[in-house]
């Protein structure tokens, strides 16, 4: 089959776009509002975009609390979402009123960070502490701004739980990192394989 995205005439019961661009890592973003109140929200449009220096981005559909907080306060955290924390991660996605702590609602501990003001999930097996770089509002082919905001940050500190290190490597199969798929689907990393680049 083939369909044009502008017409969205795929004839399926649900749009397959997000299911095709998957799995996607979950950016579990911690931030503080201007009054110093903590906020926590998972974003499925999230990824690393550079390694020297390390940088990450997430995209918010609508200018939500996370994007506003980060612009105002200048930093954020990314806590790793893992299988054991899936229910808490999902709870933190609720549309709570501004100022309500998703950490508390999800039964999580808002831990102080080392280099940034924003808290992180104490129970997470890995955390990225990030300083805010910029926000980009993309334009579509017709030149109009879309209702999405891309927030970029530079990673300035990384927390790793000691038990997540196996033979000197961070073991995603041990912590069972989860990812977002399409529809209401998620996946856990439980098996990996290795390949070396070919010599040409």
N, C-alpha and C. Protein backbone atom coordinates (compact mmCIF):
# COMPACT_ATOMS: atom_id res chain seq x y z
N UNK A 1 0.84 -1.19 0.00
CA UNK A 1 0.00 0.00 0.00
C UNK A 1 0.87 1.24 0.00
N UNK A 2 0.29 2.32 -0.39
CA UNK A 2 0.94 3.64 -0.37
C UNK A 2 -0.12 4.68 -0.06
N UNK A 3 0.25 5.67 0.75
CA UNK A 3 -0.68 6.78 0.97
C UNK A 3 0.08 8.07 1.15
N UNK A 4 -0.56 9.17 0.82
CA UNK A 4 0.02 10.49 1.01
C UNK A 4 -0.38 10.99 2.39
N UNK A 5 0.61 11.46 3.16
CA UNK A 5 0.33 11.84 4.54
C UNK A 5 -0.60 13.04 4.65
N UNK A 6 -0.57 13.92 3.65
CA UNK A 6 -1.47 15.07 3.71
C UNK A 6 -2.93 14.64 3.58
N UNK A 7 -3.16 13.62 2.76
CA UNK A 7 -4.52 13.09 2.59
C UNK A 7 -4.87 12.10 3.71
N UNK A 8 -3.85 11.44 4.25
CA UNK A 8 -4.03 10.46 5.32
C UNK A 8 -5.06 9.39 4.94
N UNK A 9 -5.00 8.98 3.66
CA UNK A 9 -6.01 8.06 3.11
C UNK A 9 -5.53 6.61 3.12
N UNK A 10 -4.93 6.18 4.24
CA UNK A 10 -4.40 4.82 4.32
C UNK A 10 -5.50 3.78 4.51
N UNK A 11 -6.68 4.18 4.95
CA UNK A 11 -7.78 3.25 5.12
C UNK A 11 -7.67 2.33 6.32
N UNK A 12 -6.65 2.53 7.15
CA UNK A 12 -6.47 1.70 8.34
C UNK A 12 -7.20 2.32 9.52
N UNK A 13 -7.52 1.53 10.55
CA UNK A 13 -8.24 2.09 11.70
C UNK A 13 -7.41 3.09 12.50
N UNK A 14 -6.05 3.01 12.39
CA UNK A 14 -5.18 3.94 13.11
C UNK A 14 -4.02 4.33 12.21
N UNK A 15 -3.53 5.54 12.39
CA UNK A 15 -2.40 6.04 11.61
C UNK A 15 -1.15 5.22 11.92
N UNK A 16 -0.49 4.64 10.91
CA UNK A 16 0.66 3.77 11.18
C UNK A 16 1.99 4.50 11.35
N UNK A 17 2.03 5.82 11.21
CA UNK A 17 3.30 6.55 11.21
C UNK A 17 4.15 6.25 12.44
N UNK A 18 3.57 6.38 13.65
CA UNK A 18 4.36 6.17 14.86
C UNK A 18 4.76 4.71 15.05
N UNK A 19 3.97 3.80 14.49
CA UNK A 19 4.33 2.38 14.58
C UNK A 19 5.51 2.05 13.68
N UNK A 20 5.66 2.80 12.59
CA UNK A 20 6.77 2.57 11.67
C UNK A 20 8.05 3.16 12.24
N UNK A 21 7.97 4.38 12.77
CA UNK A 21 9.14 5.03 13.36
C UNK A 21 9.22 4.56 14.82
N UNK A 22 9.70 3.34 15.00
CA UNK A 22 9.71 2.71 16.32
C UNK A 22 10.76 1.59 16.32
N UNK A 23 11.27 1.22 17.47
CA UNK A 23 10.97 1.76 18.80
C UNK A 23 11.64 3.11 19.03
N UNK A 24 11.00 3.91 19.87
CA UNK A 24 11.55 5.22 20.20
C UNK A 24 11.87 5.26 21.70
N UNK A 25 13.07 5.73 22.07
CA UNK A 25 13.36 5.86 23.49
C UNK A 25 12.42 6.88 24.13
N UNK A 26 12.20 6.72 25.42
CA UNK A 26 11.30 7.62 26.15
C UNK A 26 12.13 8.63 26.94
N UNK A 27 11.92 9.90 26.66
CA UNK A 27 12.57 10.95 27.44
C UNK A 27 11.69 11.28 28.64
N UNK A 28 12.07 10.80 29.80
CA UNK A 28 11.29 11.04 31.03
C UNK A 28 11.84 12.31 31.64
N UNK A 29 11.24 13.44 31.28
CA UNK A 29 11.83 14.76 31.52
C UNK A 29 11.41 15.34 32.87
N UNK A 30 12.41 15.65 33.68
CA UNK A 30 12.19 16.32 34.96
C UNK A 30 12.56 17.78 34.84
N UNK A 31 11.74 18.66 35.41
CA UNK A 31 12.01 20.09 35.34
C UNK A 31 11.41 20.79 36.56
N UNK A 32 11.70 22.07 36.68
CA UNK A 32 11.13 22.91 37.73
C UNK A 32 10.43 24.09 37.10
N UNK A 33 9.27 24.48 37.64
CA UNK A 33 8.62 25.69 37.14
C UNK A 33 9.25 26.91 37.80
N UNK A 34 8.77 28.10 37.45
CA UNK A 34 9.37 29.33 37.95
C UNK A 34 9.25 29.47 39.46
N UNK A 35 8.29 28.75 40.05
CA UNK A 35 8.12 28.78 41.51
C UNK A 35 8.90 27.66 42.20
N UNK A 36 9.65 26.89 41.42
CA UNK A 36 10.46 25.82 42.00
C UNK A 36 9.71 24.53 42.24
N UNK A 37 8.53 24.37 41.63
CA UNK A 37 7.75 23.15 41.79
C UNK A 37 8.17 22.12 40.74
N UNK A 38 8.34 20.84 41.15
CA UNK A 38 8.82 19.83 40.21
C UNK A 38 7.76 19.37 39.23
N UNK A 39 8.21 19.00 38.05
CA UNK A 39 7.35 18.46 36.99
C UNK A 39 8.05 17.26 36.39
N UNK A 40 7.30 16.25 36.00
CA UNK A 40 7.85 15.05 35.38
C UNK A 40 6.91 14.59 34.29
N UNK A 41 7.43 14.37 33.09
CA UNK A 41 6.58 13.95 31.97
C UNK A 41 7.39 13.12 30.98
N UNK A 42 6.78 12.02 30.45
CA UNK A 42 7.46 11.21 29.44
C UNK A 42 7.16 11.71 28.03
N UNK A 43 8.19 11.74 27.20
CA UNK A 43 8.06 12.16 25.81
C UNK A 43 8.60 11.07 24.90
N UNK A 44 7.79 10.63 23.93
CA UNK A 44 8.24 9.56 23.05
C UNK A 44 8.96 10.07 21.82
N UNK A 45 8.91 11.37 21.57
CA UNK A 45 9.76 11.95 20.53
C UNK A 45 10.99 12.50 21.25
N UNK A 46 11.98 11.61 21.43
CA UNK A 46 13.17 11.90 22.22
C UNK A 46 14.34 11.10 21.67
N UNK A 47 15.53 11.69 21.70
CA UNK A 47 16.71 10.92 21.31
C UNK A 47 17.98 11.71 21.58
N UNK A 48 19.10 10.99 21.49
CA UNK A 48 20.41 11.63 21.51
C UNK A 48 20.70 12.15 20.11
N UNK A 49 21.33 13.31 20.03
CA UNK A 49 21.61 13.89 18.71
C UNK A 49 23.09 14.20 18.50
N UNK A 50 23.92 14.07 19.53
CA UNK A 50 25.36 14.30 19.40
C UNK A 50 26.05 13.62 20.57
N UNK A 51 27.33 13.29 20.38
CA UNK A 51 28.06 12.66 21.49
C UNK A 51 29.29 13.44 21.92
N UNK A 52 29.65 14.49 21.21
CA UNK A 52 30.83 15.25 21.59
C UNK A 52 30.62 16.74 21.29
N UNK A 53 30.03 17.50 22.21
CA UNK A 53 29.57 17.08 23.52
C UNK A 53 28.23 16.33 23.40
N UNK A 54 27.89 15.54 24.42
CA UNK A 54 26.63 14.80 24.35
C UNK A 54 25.42 15.73 24.43
N UNK A 55 24.47 15.53 23.52
CA UNK A 55 23.26 16.35 23.47
C UNK A 55 22.05 15.46 23.25
N UNK A 56 20.92 15.89 23.79
CA UNK A 56 19.65 15.20 23.58
C UNK A 56 18.59 16.22 23.18
N UNK A 57 17.49 15.70 22.63
CA UNK A 57 16.35 16.56 22.34
C UNK A 57 15.07 15.81 22.62
N UNK A 58 14.03 16.57 22.89
CA UNK A 58 12.68 16.00 22.91
C UNK A 58 11.76 16.99 22.24
N UNK A 59 10.66 16.48 21.71
CA UNK A 59 9.70 17.32 21.03
C UNK A 59 8.36 17.25 21.75
N UNK A 60 7.82 18.42 22.04
CA UNK A 60 6.54 18.53 22.74
C UNK A 60 5.47 18.99 21.76
N UNK A 61 4.40 18.21 21.64
CA UNK A 61 3.25 18.64 20.85
C UNK A 61 2.44 19.57 21.73
N UNK A 62 2.46 20.85 21.40
CA UNK A 62 1.90 21.87 22.27
C UNK A 62 2.97 22.37 23.22
N UNK A 63 2.89 23.64 23.59
CA UNK A 63 3.89 24.23 24.47
C UNK A 63 3.51 23.89 25.91
N UNK A 64 3.90 22.68 26.32
CA UNK A 64 3.49 22.15 27.62
C UNK A 64 4.42 22.60 28.73
N UNK A 65 4.10 22.15 29.96
CA UNK A 65 4.86 22.59 31.13
C UNK A 65 6.35 22.33 31.01
N UNK A 66 6.74 21.17 30.49
CA UNK A 66 8.17 20.85 30.41
C UNK A 66 8.91 21.89 29.58
N UNK A 67 8.40 22.20 28.40
CA UNK A 67 9.07 23.16 27.53
C UNK A 67 9.12 24.54 28.17
N UNK A 68 8.02 24.96 28.79
CA UNK A 68 7.98 26.27 29.44
C UNK A 68 8.92 26.33 30.63
N UNK A 69 8.92 25.27 31.44
CA UNK A 69 9.80 25.23 32.61
C UNK A 69 11.26 25.31 32.22
N UNK A 70 11.63 24.55 31.21
CA UNK A 70 13.04 24.48 30.80
C UNK A 70 13.51 25.82 30.26
N UNK A 71 12.68 26.48 29.47
CA UNK A 71 13.04 27.82 28.98
C UNK A 71 13.23 28.78 30.14
N UNK A 72 12.37 28.67 31.16
CA UNK A 72 12.41 29.60 32.28
C UNK A 72 13.58 29.32 33.23
N UNK A 73 13.86 28.04 33.47
CA UNK A 73 14.85 27.68 34.49
C UNK A 73 16.21 27.25 33.95
N UNK A 74 16.27 26.87 32.67
CA UNK A 74 17.57 26.65 32.06
C UNK A 74 18.16 25.26 32.17
N UNK A 75 17.40 24.28 32.67
CA UNK A 75 17.95 22.93 32.71
C UNK A 75 16.83 21.90 32.82
N UNK A 76 17.20 20.62 32.71
CA UNK A 76 16.24 19.54 32.85
C UNK A 76 16.99 18.24 33.07
N UNK A 77 16.26 17.18 33.40
CA UNK A 77 16.84 15.85 33.53
C UNK A 77 16.08 14.87 32.66
N UNK A 78 16.75 13.77 32.30
CA UNK A 78 16.12 12.66 31.57
C UNK A 78 16.37 11.40 32.38
N UNK A 79 15.34 10.86 32.99
CA UNK A 79 15.46 9.62 33.75
C UNK A 79 15.09 8.44 32.86
N UNK A 80 15.83 7.35 32.99
CA UNK A 80 15.61 6.19 32.13
C UNK A 80 14.34 5.45 32.54
N UNK A 81 13.45 5.24 31.59
CA UNK A 81 12.23 4.47 31.83
C UNK A 81 12.53 3.00 31.60
N UNK A 82 12.28 2.18 32.61
CA UNK A 82 12.56 0.75 32.54
C UNK A 82 11.29 -0.03 32.90
N UNK A 83 11.34 -1.33 32.63
CA UNK A 83 10.14 -2.15 32.76
C UNK A 83 9.55 -2.09 34.17
N UNK A 84 10.41 -2.05 35.18
CA UNK A 84 9.91 -2.02 36.56
C UNK A 84 9.23 -0.70 36.91
N UNK A 85 9.47 0.34 36.12
CA UNK A 85 8.90 1.65 36.38
C UNK A 85 7.82 2.02 35.37
N UNK A 86 7.36 1.05 34.58
CA UNK A 86 6.43 1.38 33.49
C UNK A 86 5.13 1.99 33.99
N UNK A 87 4.58 1.49 35.09
CA UNK A 87 3.32 2.03 35.60
C UNK A 87 3.50 3.45 36.10
N UNK A 88 4.61 3.71 36.77
CA UNK A 88 4.89 5.07 37.26
C UNK A 88 5.12 6.02 36.09
N UNK A 89 5.84 5.54 35.07
CA UNK A 89 6.06 6.37 33.88
C UNK A 89 4.73 6.73 33.23
N UNK A 90 3.85 5.75 33.10
CA UNK A 90 2.55 5.99 32.49
C UNK A 90 1.71 6.95 33.32
N UNK A 91 1.73 6.78 34.64
CA UNK A 91 0.99 7.68 35.52
C UNK A 91 1.47 9.12 35.37
N UNK A 92 2.77 9.29 35.19
CA UNK A 92 3.31 10.66 35.08
C UNK A 92 2.91 11.34 33.78
N UNK A 93 2.31 10.59 32.84
CA UNK A 93 1.87 11.18 31.58
C UNK A 93 0.50 11.82 31.68
N UNK A 94 -0.15 11.70 32.85
CA UNK A 94 -1.49 12.25 33.02
C UNK A 94 -1.52 13.77 32.87
N UNK A 95 -2.65 14.28 32.44
CA UNK A 95 -2.82 15.73 32.23
C UNK A 95 -3.19 16.40 33.55
N UNK A 96 -2.24 16.44 34.46
CA UNK A 96 -2.48 17.05 35.77
C UNK A 96 -2.44 18.57 35.64
N UNK A 97 -3.06 19.25 36.60
CA UNK A 97 -3.04 20.71 36.62
C UNK A 97 -1.63 21.21 36.84
N UNK A 98 -1.36 22.42 36.33
CA UNK A 98 -0.05 23.03 36.51
C UNK A 98 0.26 23.14 38.00
N UNK A 99 1.47 22.76 38.38
CA UNK A 99 1.89 22.84 39.77
C UNK A 99 1.75 21.54 40.53
N UNK A 100 0.98 20.58 39.99
CA UNK A 100 0.84 19.27 40.63
C UNK A 100 2.11 18.46 40.37
N UNK A 101 2.66 17.82 41.38
CA UNK A 101 3.87 17.03 41.23
C UNK A 101 3.55 15.64 40.69
N UNK A 102 3.99 15.38 39.47
CA UNK A 102 3.82 14.05 38.90
C UNK A 102 4.69 13.03 39.64
N UNK A 103 5.79 13.49 40.23
CA UNK A 103 6.61 12.59 41.05
C UNK A 103 5.75 11.98 42.16
N UNK A 104 5.03 12.84 42.87
CA UNK A 104 4.19 12.37 43.98
C UNK A 104 3.05 11.50 43.47
N UNK A 105 2.37 11.94 42.42
CA UNK A 105 1.22 11.19 41.89
C UNK A 105 1.63 9.79 41.43
N UNK A 106 2.87 9.67 40.93
CA UNK A 106 3.35 8.38 40.43
C UNK A 106 4.06 7.56 41.50
N UNK A 107 4.14 8.07 42.72
CA UNK A 107 4.81 7.35 43.80
C UNK A 107 6.31 7.29 43.65
N UNK A 108 6.89 8.31 43.04
CA UNK A 108 8.33 8.35 42.79
C UNK A 108 9.02 9.36 43.70
N UNK A 109 10.31 9.19 43.86
CA UNK A 109 11.12 10.11 44.66
C UNK A 109 11.78 11.13 43.76
N UNK A 110 11.54 12.41 44.03
CA UNK A 110 12.19 13.49 43.27
C UNK A 110 13.55 13.75 43.92
N UNK A 111 14.60 13.22 43.31
CA UNK A 111 15.94 13.32 43.88
C UNK A 111 16.63 14.59 43.39
N UNK A 112 17.41 15.25 44.25
CA UNK A 112 18.18 16.41 43.80
C UNK A 112 19.29 15.98 42.86
N UNK A 113 19.56 16.82 41.87
CA UNK A 113 20.61 16.52 40.91
C UNK A 113 21.92 17.17 41.36
N UNK A 114 23.03 16.80 40.72
CA UNK A 114 24.34 17.31 41.12
C UNK A 114 24.68 18.65 40.48
N UNK A 115 24.39 18.78 39.17
CA UNK A 115 24.86 19.94 38.42
C UNK A 115 23.74 20.83 37.91
N UNK A 116 22.50 20.38 38.02
CA UNK A 116 21.36 21.18 37.56
C UNK A 116 20.35 21.29 38.68
N UNK A 117 19.44 22.25 38.55
CA UNK A 117 18.43 22.48 39.59
C UNK A 117 17.29 21.47 39.51
N UNK A 118 16.97 21.00 38.31
CA UNK A 118 15.83 20.11 38.12
C UNK A 118 16.06 18.76 38.79
N UNK A 119 15.01 18.20 39.41
CA UNK A 119 15.14 16.89 40.05
C UNK A 119 15.05 15.76 39.03
N UNK A 120 15.40 14.56 39.49
CA UNK A 120 15.28 13.37 38.64
C UNK A 120 14.63 12.26 39.44
N UNK A 121 14.31 11.17 38.75
CA UNK A 121 13.67 10.02 39.39
C UNK A 121 14.74 9.21 40.13
N UNK A 122 14.67 9.20 41.45
CA UNK A 122 15.67 8.50 42.25
C UNK A 122 15.71 7.01 41.93
N UNK A 123 14.57 6.45 41.57
CA UNK A 123 14.48 5.01 41.31
C UNK A 123 15.03 4.61 39.94
N UNK A 124 15.36 5.57 39.09
CA UNK A 124 15.83 5.27 37.74
C UNK A 124 17.23 4.66 37.76
N UNK A 125 17.49 3.75 36.83
CA UNK A 125 18.80 3.10 36.72
C UNK A 125 19.84 3.98 36.01
N UNK A 126 19.38 5.02 35.34
CA UNK A 126 20.31 5.98 34.72
C UNK A 126 19.57 7.31 34.55
N UNK A 127 20.33 8.38 34.66
CA UNK A 127 19.77 9.73 34.56
C UNK A 127 20.76 10.62 33.82
N UNK A 128 20.25 11.45 32.94
CA UNK A 128 21.05 12.47 32.28
C UNK A 128 20.69 13.83 32.85
N UNK A 129 21.68 14.55 33.34
CA UNK A 129 21.46 15.93 33.77
C UNK A 129 21.82 16.84 32.59
N UNK A 130 20.90 17.73 32.22
CA UNK A 130 21.06 18.52 31.00
C UNK A 130 20.91 20.01 31.25
N UNK A 131 21.71 20.80 30.56
CA UNK A 131 21.53 22.24 30.55
C UNK A 131 20.88 22.62 29.22
N UNK A 132 19.93 23.52 29.31
CA UNK A 132 19.13 23.94 28.15
C UNK A 132 19.99 24.67 27.12
N UNK A 133 19.80 24.31 25.85
CA UNK A 133 20.50 24.98 24.75
C UNK A 133 19.57 25.88 23.94
N UNK A 134 18.50 25.31 23.41
CA UNK A 134 17.59 26.11 22.59
C UNK A 134 16.29 25.37 22.35
N UNK A 135 15.28 26.13 21.93
CA UNK A 135 14.01 25.57 21.51
C UNK A 135 13.78 25.93 20.05
N UNK A 136 13.38 24.96 19.26
CA UNK A 136 13.13 25.17 17.83
C UNK A 136 11.66 24.86 17.56
N UNK A 137 10.99 25.77 16.88
CA UNK A 137 9.62 25.50 16.44
C UNK A 137 9.67 25.28 14.93
N UNK A 138 9.53 24.04 14.47
CA UNK A 138 9.68 23.76 13.04
C UNK A 138 8.53 24.30 12.20
N UNK A 139 8.82 24.45 10.91
CA UNK A 139 7.82 24.88 9.93
C UNK A 139 7.57 23.73 8.95
N UNK A 140 6.34 23.60 8.52
CA UNK A 140 5.97 22.57 7.55
C UNK A 140 6.30 23.06 6.13
N UNK A 141 6.03 22.23 5.14
CA UNK A 141 6.33 22.58 3.75
C UNK A 141 5.63 23.85 3.30
N UNK A 142 4.47 24.13 3.89
CA UNK A 142 3.74 25.34 3.50
C UNK A 142 4.27 26.60 4.20
N UNK A 143 5.31 26.44 4.99
CA UNK A 143 5.91 27.58 5.68
C UNK A 143 5.29 27.93 7.01
N UNK A 144 4.22 27.23 7.38
CA UNK A 144 3.54 27.53 8.64
C UNK A 144 4.20 26.81 9.81
N UNK A 145 4.30 27.49 10.94
CA UNK A 145 4.81 26.85 12.15
C UNK A 145 3.85 25.75 12.60
N UNK A 146 4.39 24.64 13.05
CA UNK A 146 3.56 23.54 13.53
C UNK A 146 3.45 23.62 15.04
N UNK A 147 2.51 22.87 15.59
CA UNK A 147 2.25 22.91 17.02
C UNK A 147 3.18 21.97 17.78
N UNK A 148 4.48 22.09 17.49
CA UNK A 148 5.50 21.27 18.15
C UNK A 148 6.69 22.14 18.49
N UNK A 149 7.30 21.85 19.64
CA UNK A 149 8.48 22.57 20.10
C UNK A 149 9.58 21.55 20.38
N UNK A 150 10.74 21.71 19.74
CA UNK A 150 11.88 20.82 19.92
C UNK A 150 12.84 21.48 20.90
N UNK A 151 13.08 20.80 22.02
CA UNK A 151 13.94 21.33 23.08
C UNK A 151 15.24 20.57 23.07
N UNK A 152 16.36 21.30 22.97
CA UNK A 152 17.68 20.68 22.97
C UNK A 152 18.42 21.01 24.25
N UNK A 153 19.15 20.00 24.76
CA UNK A 153 19.96 20.21 25.94
C UNK A 153 21.29 19.51 25.82
N UNK A 154 22.28 20.04 26.52
CA UNK A 154 23.60 19.41 26.58
C UNK A 154 23.71 18.63 27.88
N UNK A 155 24.12 17.38 27.76
CA UNK A 155 24.25 16.52 28.94
C UNK A 155 25.53 16.90 29.67
N UNK A 156 25.38 17.30 30.94
CA UNK A 156 26.54 17.73 31.72
C UNK A 156 26.89 16.75 32.83
N UNK A 157 26.00 15.81 33.12
CA UNK A 157 26.26 14.81 34.15
C UNK A 157 25.40 13.58 33.93
N UNK A 158 25.92 12.42 34.29
CA UNK A 158 25.20 11.16 34.10
C UNK A 158 25.28 10.32 35.37
N UNK A 159 24.12 9.87 35.84
CA UNK A 159 24.03 8.94 36.96
C UNK A 159 23.80 7.54 36.40
N UNK A 160 24.50 6.54 36.94
CA UNK A 160 24.27 5.14 36.55
C UNK A 160 24.25 4.31 37.83
N UNK A 161 23.22 3.49 37.99
CA UNK A 161 23.16 2.59 39.13
C UNK A 161 24.25 1.54 39.00
N UNK A 162 24.93 1.26 40.09
CA UNK A 162 26.05 0.31 40.05
C UNK A 162 25.62 -1.06 39.52
N UNK A 163 24.41 -1.50 39.87
CA UNK A 163 23.98 -2.83 39.44
C UNK A 163 23.56 -2.88 37.98
N UNK A 164 23.59 -1.73 37.30
CA UNK A 164 23.28 -1.72 35.86
C UNK A 164 24.54 -1.92 35.02
N UNK A 165 25.70 -1.95 35.66
CA UNK A 165 26.96 -2.17 34.95
C UNK A 165 27.34 -3.64 35.04
N UNK A 166 27.51 -4.27 33.89
CA UNK A 166 27.90 -5.68 33.83
C UNK A 166 29.12 -5.78 32.92
N UNK A 167 30.21 -6.29 33.46
CA UNK A 167 31.47 -6.42 32.70
C UNK A 167 31.89 -5.10 32.07
N UNK A 168 31.71 -4.03 32.84
CA UNK A 168 32.16 -2.72 32.39
C UNK A 168 31.26 -2.03 31.40
N UNK A 169 30.06 -2.56 31.16
CA UNK A 169 29.14 -1.96 30.19
C UNK A 169 27.76 -1.79 30.80
N UNK A 170 27.09 -0.71 30.40
CA UNK A 170 25.70 -0.51 30.83
C UNK A 170 24.85 -1.56 30.14
N UNK A 171 24.15 -2.38 30.93
CA UNK A 171 23.43 -3.54 30.40
C UNK A 171 21.93 -3.23 30.27
N UNK A 172 21.50 -2.91 29.05
CA UNK A 172 20.09 -2.57 28.83
C UNK A 172 19.17 -3.77 29.01
N UNK A 173 19.71 -4.99 28.82
CA UNK A 173 18.86 -6.17 29.01
C UNK A 173 18.64 -6.45 30.49
N UNK A 174 19.56 -6.05 31.34
CA UNK A 174 19.37 -6.25 32.77
C UNK A 174 18.35 -5.27 33.33
N UNK A 175 18.45 -4.00 32.92
CA UNK A 175 17.51 -2.99 33.43
C UNK A 175 16.20 -3.00 32.66
N UNK A 176 16.22 -3.61 31.47
CA UNK A 176 15.02 -3.71 30.61
C UNK A 176 14.45 -2.34 30.27
N UNK A 177 15.27 -1.57 29.57
CA UNK A 177 14.83 -0.28 29.06
C UNK A 177 13.56 -0.44 28.23
N UNK A 178 12.59 0.44 28.42
CA UNK A 178 11.37 0.35 27.61
C UNK A 178 11.36 1.44 26.54
N UNK A 179 10.61 1.17 25.50
CA UNK A 179 10.51 2.11 24.39
C UNK A 179 9.06 2.24 23.98
N UNK A 180 8.80 3.32 23.27
CA UNK A 180 7.45 3.60 22.78
C UNK A 180 7.33 3.09 21.35
N UNK A 181 6.22 2.44 21.07
CA UNK A 181 5.93 1.99 19.72
C UNK A 181 4.74 2.81 19.22
N UNK A 182 3.98 2.27 18.27
CA UNK A 182 2.78 2.96 17.82
C UNK A 182 1.60 2.60 18.71
N UNK A 183 0.48 3.26 18.44
CA UNK A 183 -0.77 2.97 19.14
C UNK A 183 -0.57 3.10 20.65
N UNK A 184 -1.00 2.13 21.45
CA UNK A 184 -0.75 2.15 22.90
C UNK A 184 0.33 1.14 23.27
N UNK A 185 1.20 0.82 22.34
CA UNK A 185 2.18 -0.26 22.50
C UNK A 185 3.53 0.23 23.00
N UNK A 186 4.16 -0.61 23.81
CA UNK A 186 5.51 -0.39 24.32
C UNK A 186 6.29 -1.68 24.13
N UNK A 187 7.62 -1.60 24.28
CA UNK A 187 8.45 -2.79 24.23
C UNK A 187 9.57 -2.65 25.25
N UNK A 188 10.05 -3.78 25.75
CA UNK A 188 11.18 -3.82 26.67
C UNK A 188 12.36 -4.47 25.95
N UNK A 189 13.55 -3.93 26.18
CA UNK A 189 14.76 -4.52 25.59
C UNK A 189 15.19 -5.69 26.46
N UNK A 190 15.07 -6.90 25.90
CA UNK A 190 15.45 -8.10 26.65
C UNK A 190 16.48 -8.94 25.91
N UNK A 191 16.78 -8.57 24.68
CA UNK A 191 17.76 -9.32 23.89
C UNK A 191 18.48 -8.36 22.96
N UNK A 192 19.78 -8.51 22.83
CA UNK A 192 20.56 -7.69 21.92
C UNK A 192 21.44 -8.59 21.06
N UNK A 193 21.90 -8.07 19.93
CA UNK A 193 22.89 -8.78 19.12
C UNK A 193 23.92 -7.77 18.66
N UNK A 194 25.06 -8.26 18.25
CA UNK A 194 26.16 -7.39 17.86
C UNK A 194 26.54 -7.60 16.41
N UNK A 195 26.98 -6.53 15.75
CA UNK A 195 27.53 -6.60 14.40
C UNK A 195 28.67 -5.60 14.33
N UNK A 196 29.71 -5.95 13.61
CA UNK A 196 30.81 -5.03 13.39
C UNK A 196 30.69 -4.41 12.01
N UNK A 197 31.14 -3.18 11.91
CA UNK A 197 31.11 -2.53 10.59
C UNK A 197 32.03 -3.28 9.64
N UNK A 198 31.60 -3.39 8.37
CA UNK A 198 32.45 -4.10 7.40
C UNK A 198 33.71 -3.29 7.06
N UNK A 199 34.79 -4.00 6.79
CA UNK A 199 36.01 -3.35 6.34
C UNK A 199 35.93 -3.23 4.82
N UNK A 200 36.03 -2.01 4.33
CA UNK A 200 35.92 -1.79 2.87
C UNK A 200 37.18 -1.13 2.35
